[in-house]
Amino acid sequence: MSTTSDQTPFSTLADALVHTVQAALPLIRSTSDADSTRLLAPGKWSRKQILGHLIDSAANNHQRFVRAQEQPSLVFPGYAQNHWVSSQRYSERAWSDLVALWESYNRHLAHVVASIPEERRATWCVIGDGEPVTLGFLVTDYIRHLRHHLEQIEAR
């Protein structure tokens, strides 16, 4: 599935998430530890740092996907991506460990997304000082964000 919208059923979004992970794994797994550590361009992140960022995104969105089912609206803290990536020192981790964590976390998130009741789709969520968005938008945007960064990792 190449396109999704914030009206796509959660079960379909969960399937799209699993498919995205499965499609990316062969190339990601074939990347060497040395290649994963190299910066993609001056001032840019390495593949390890990008995958670490995607793990952070999974962790932050996991909280959002679960907590947004509790109340009619929620406010979440923002995400200081550079701080999270640098403080966790992803460059020092083995590529295979990061890949395994990323894969497992996203498979779990797909399970979580598939379990969201459709009547929670319109729950309003505010992240940091951003504009309010719906839970349906957050799930759809998570998959879009994941695909964007996977393209960066997969670029050779």
Foldseek 3Di string as FASTA:
>chain_A
DPDDDLLPQLLVLLVLLLVLLVVLPVLLVPQALVQQLDAPDVPHHGVLLLLQLLLVLLVQVVCVLVVLLVDLEEEAEADPSVCSSVVVVSSPDGSVVSSVSSNVSSNVVSVSSSPRDPVSSQRWYHYHPDDTDGNSRSSNVSSVSVNVSSVVSNDD
